[in-house]
């Protein structure tokens, strides 16, 4: 293989849509929505 293979955006799902479906099916309960305040890379 040549170079670094990046992950494709298609590999991820919209977290809000997944949470809504899980909540409506009764397999999860929405409790709180968190918002990141910072990112540390290293």
PDB file of N, CA and C in Angstrom:
ATOM      1  N   UNK A   1       0.841  -1.193   0.000  1.00  0.00           N
ATOM      2  CA  UNK A   1       0.000   0.000   0.000  1.00  0.00           C
ATOM      3  C   UNK A   1       0.872   1.238   0.000  1.00  0.00           C
ATOM      4  N   UNK A   2       0.376   2.243  -0.641  1.00  0.00           N
ATOM      5  CA  UNK A   2       1.100   3.504  -0.716  1.00  0.00           C
ATOM      6  C   UNK A   2       0.438   4.557   0.147  1.00  0.00           C
ATOM      7  N   UNK A   3       1.205   5.231   0.956  1.00  0.00           N
ATOM      8  CA  UNK A   3       0.686   6.345   1.740  1.00  0.00           C
ATOM      9  C   UNK A   3      -0.251   5.915   2.855  1.00  0.00           C
ATOM     10  N   UNK A   4      -0.860   6.893   3.458  1.00  0.00           N
ATOM     11  CA  UNK A   4      -1.794   6.660   4.558  1.00  0.00           C
ATOM     12  C   UNK A   4      -3.205   6.621   3.993  1.00  0.00           C
ATOM     13  N   UNK A   5      -3.949   5.615   4.400  1.00  0.00           N
ATOM     14  CA  UNK A   5      -5.337   5.496   3.960  1.00  0.00           C
ATOM     15  C   UNK A   5      -6.216   6.191   4.995  1.00  0.00           C
ATOM     16  N   UNK A   6      -6.926   7.195   4.572  1.00  0.00           N
ATOM     17  CA  UNK A   6      -7.822   7.925   5.467  1.00  0.00           C
ATOM     18  C   UNK A   6      -9.166   7.212   5.542  1.00  0.00           C
ATOM     19  N   UNK A   7      -9.870   7.408   6.649  1.00  0.00           N
ATOM     20  CA  UNK A   7     -11.205   6.847   6.778  1.00  0.00           C
ATOM     21  C   UNK A   7     -12.160   7.661   5.912  1.00  0.00           C
ATOM     22  N   UNK A   8     -13.073   6.961   5.262  1.00  0.00           N
ATOM     23  CA  UNK A   8     -14.018   7.652   4.391  1.00  0.00           C
ATOM     24  C   UNK A   8     -15.183   8.214   5.206  1.00  0.00           C
ATOM     25  N   UNK A   9     -15.725   9.351   4.823  1.00  0.00           N
ATOM     26  CA  UNK A   9     -16.864   9.926   5.539  1.00  0.00           C
ATOM     27  C   UNK A   9     -18.092   9.010   5.525  1.00  0.00           C
ATOM     28  N   UNK A  10     -18.196   8.150   4.524  1.00  0.00           N
ATOM     29  CA  UNK A  10     -19.345   7.239   4.434  1.00  0.00           C
ATOM     30  C   UNK A  10     -19.338   6.201   5.553  1.00  0.00           C
ATOM     31  N   UNK A  11     -18.217   6.037   6.241  1.00  0.00           N
ATOM     32  CA  UNK A  11     -18.116   5.055   7.318  1.00  0.00           C
ATOM     33  C   UNK A  11     -18.828   5.532   8.583  1.00  0.00           C
ATOM     34  N   UNK A  12     -19.172   6.796   8.655  1.00  0.00           N
ATOM     35  CA  UNK A  12     -19.792   7.363   9.845  1.00  0.00           C
ATOM     36  C   UNK A  12     -21.267   7.641   9.607  1.00  0.00           C
ATOM     37  N   UNK A  13     -22.056   7.523  10.690  1.00  0.00           N
ATOM     38  CA  UNK A  13     -23.481   7.827  10.629  1.00  0.00           C
ATOM     39  C   UNK A  13     -23.730   9.112  11.425  1.00  0.00           C
ATOM     40  N   UNK A  14     -24.828   9.780  11.119  1.00  0.00           N
ATOM     41  CA  UNK A  14     -25.217  10.974  11.863  1.00  0.00           C
ATOM     42  C   UNK A  14     -25.620  10.553  13.272  1.00  0.00           C
ATOM     43  N   UNK A  15     -24.890  11.023  14.279  1.00  0.00           N
ATOM     44  CA  UNK A  15     -25.129  10.590  15.651  1.00  0.00           C
ATOM     45  C   UNK A  15     -26.526  10.981  16.133  1.00  0.00           C
ATOM     46  N   UNK A  16     -27.054  12.108  15.673  1.00  0.00           N
ATOM     47  CA  UNK A  16     -28.402  12.512  16.078  1.00  0.00           C
ATOM     48  C   UNK A  16     -29.451  11.546  15.542  1.00  0.00           C
ATOM     49  N   UNK A  17     -29.288  11.100  14.303  1.00  0.00           N
ATOM     50  CA  UNK A  17     -30.236  10.150  13.712  1.00  0.00           C
ATOM     51  C   UNK A  17     -30.182   8.814  14.442  1.00  0.00           C
ATOM     52  N   UNK A  18     -28.994   8.354  14.767  1.00  0.00           N
ATOM     53  CA  UNK A  18     -28.845   7.083  15.487  1.00  0.00           C
ATOM     54  C   UNK A  18     -29.465   7.188  16.877  1.00  0.00           C
ATOM     55  N   UNK A  19     -29.234   8.301  17.566  1.00  0.00           N
ATOM     56  CA  UNK A  19     -29.804   8.494  18.901  1.00  0.00           C
ATOM     57  C   UNK A  19     -31.329   8.558  18.838  1.00  0.00           C
ATOM     58  N   UNK A  20     -31.877   9.238  17.838  1.00  0.00           N
ATOM     59  CA  UNK A  20     -33.335   9.329  17.694  1.00  0.00           C
ATOM     60  C   UNK A  20     -33.965   7.962  17.476  1.00  0.00           C
ATOM     61  N   UNK A  21     -33.378   7.156  16.601  1.00  0.00           N
ATOM     62  CA  UNK A  21     -33.919   5.820  16.322  1.00  0.00           C
ATOM     63  C   UNK A  21     -33.802   4.934  17.557  1.00  0.00           C
ATOM     64  N   UNK A  22     -32.655   4.960  18.220  1.00  0.00           N
ATOM     65  CA  UNK A  22     -32.459   4.147  19.423  1.00  0.00           C
ATOM     66  C   UNK A  22     -33.452   4.534  20.510  1.00  0.00           C
ATOM     67  N   UNK A  23     -33.701   5.830  20.668  1.00  0.00           N
ATOM     68  CA  UNK A  23     -34.649   6.305  21.676  1.00  0.00           C
ATOM     69  C   UNK A  23     -36.076   5.897  21.320  1.00  0.00           C
ATOM     70  N   UNK A  24     -36.444   6.040  20.054  1.00  0.00           N
ATOM     71  CA  UNK A  24     -37.819   5.714  19.649  1.00  0.00           C
ATOM     72  C   UNK A  24     -38.104   4.219  19.732  1.00  0.00           C
ATOM     73  N   UNK A  25     -37.075   3.384  19.569  1.00  0.00           N
ATOM     74  CA  UNK A  25     -37.261   1.934  19.679  1.00  0.00           C
ATOM     75  C   UNK A  25     -37.212   1.443  21.120  1.00  0.00           C
ATOM     76  N   UNK A  26     -36.816   2.315  22.028  1.00  0.00           N
ATOM     77  CA  UNK A  26     -36.773   1.949  23.436  1.00  0.00           C
ATOM     78  C   UNK A  26     -35.516   1.196  23.847  1.00  0.00           C
ATOM     79  N   UNK A  27     -34.497   1.187  23.010  1.00  0.00           N
ATOM     80  CA  UNK A  27     -33.262   0.481  23.372  1.00  0.00           C
ATOM     81  C   UNK A  27     -32.240   1.422  24.006  1.00  0.00           C
ATOM     82  N   UNK A  28     -32.566   2.710  24.063  1.00  0.00           N
ATOM     83  CA  UNK A  28     -31.703   3.697  24.709  1.00  0.00           C
ATOM     84  C   UNK A  28     -32.567   4.856  25.182  1.00  0.00           C
ATOM     85  N   UNK A  29     -32.049   5.609  26.129  1.00  0.00           N
ATOM     86  CA  UNK A  29     -32.762   6.771  26.639  1.00  0.00           C
ATOM     87  C   UNK A  29     -31.880   8.001  26.481  1.00  0.00           C
ATOM     88  N   UNK A  30     -32.434   9.033  25.878  1.00  0.00           N
ATOM     89  CA  UNK A  30     -31.695  10.290  25.769  1.00  0.00           C
ATOM     90  C   UNK A  30     -31.649  10.938  27.146  1.00  0.00           C
ATOM     91  N   UNK A  31     -30.463  11.345  27.554  1.00  0.00           N
ATOM     92  CA  UNK A  31     -30.307  11.955  28.867  1.00  0.00           C
ATOM     93  C   UNK A  31     -29.820  13.394  28.749  1.00  0.00           C
ATOM     94  N   UNK A  32     -28.762  13.598  27.981  1.00  0.00           N
ATOM     95  CA  UNK A  32     -28.172  14.928  27.863  1.00  0.00           C
ATOM     96  C   UNK A  32     -27.440  15.029  26.531  1.00  0.00           C
ATOM     97  N   UNK A  33     -27.361  16.233  25.998  1.00  0.00           N
ATOM     98  CA  UNK A  33     -26.579  16.462  24.778  1.00  0.00           C
ATOM     99  C   UNK A  33     -25.328  17.232  25.175  1.00  0.00           C
ATOM    100  N   UNK A  34     -24.176  16.669  24.861  1.00  0.00           N
ATOM    101  CA  UNK A  34     -22.909  17.287  25.217  1.00  0.00           C
ATOM    102  C   UNK A  34     -22.327  18.044  24.034  1.00  0.00           C
ATOM    103  N   UNK A  35     -21.641  19.132  24.322  1.00  0.00           N
ATOM    104  CA  UNK A  35     -20.995  19.946  23.301  1.00  0.00           C
ATOM    105  C   UNK A  35     -19.507  20.040  23.651  1.00  0.00           C
ATOM    106  N   UNK A  36     -18.634  19.678  22.723  1.00  0.00           N
ATOM    107  CA  UNK A  36     -17.205  19.757  23.026  1.00  0.00           C
ATOM    108  C   UNK A  36     -16.761  21.209  23.215  1.00  0.00           C
ATOM    109  N   UNK A  37     -15.852  21.399  24.177  1.00  0.00           N
ATOM    110  CA  UNK A  37     -15.346  22.752  24.407  1.00  0.00           C
ATOM    111  C   UNK A  37     -13.898  22.901  23.949  1.00  0.00           C
ATOM    112  N   UNK A  38     -13.296  21.791  23.540  1.00  0.00           N
ATOM    113  CA  UNK A  38     -11.921  21.858  23.057  1.00  0.00           C
ATOM    114  C   UNK A  38     -11.472  20.515  22.528  1.00  0.00           C
ATOM    115  N   UNK A  39     -10.416  20.538  21.737  1.00  0.00           N
ATOM    116  CA  UNK A  39      -9.846  19.323  21.167  1.00  0.00           C
ATOM    117  C   UNK A  39      -8.344  19.356  21.398  1.00  0.00           C
ATOM    118  N   UNK A  40      -7.805  18.239  21.894  1.00  0.00           N
ATOM    119  CA  UNK A  40      -6.364  18.127  22.101  1.00  0.00           C
ATOM    120  C   UNK A  40      -5.847  17.026  21.201  1.00  0.00           C
ATOM    121  N   UNK A  41      -4.919  17.357  20.345  1.00  0.00           N
ATOM    122  CA  UNK A  41      -4.291  16.362  19.480  1.00  0.00           C
ATOM    123  C   UNK A  41      -2.853  16.197  19.934  1.00  0.00           C
ATOM    124  N   UNK A  42      -2.405  14.951  19.876  1.00  0.00           N
ATOM    125  CA  UNK A  42      -1.016  14.796  20.286  1.00  0.00           C
ATOM    126  C   UNK A  42      -0.445  13.475  20.085  1.00  0.00           C
TER     127      UNK A  42
END
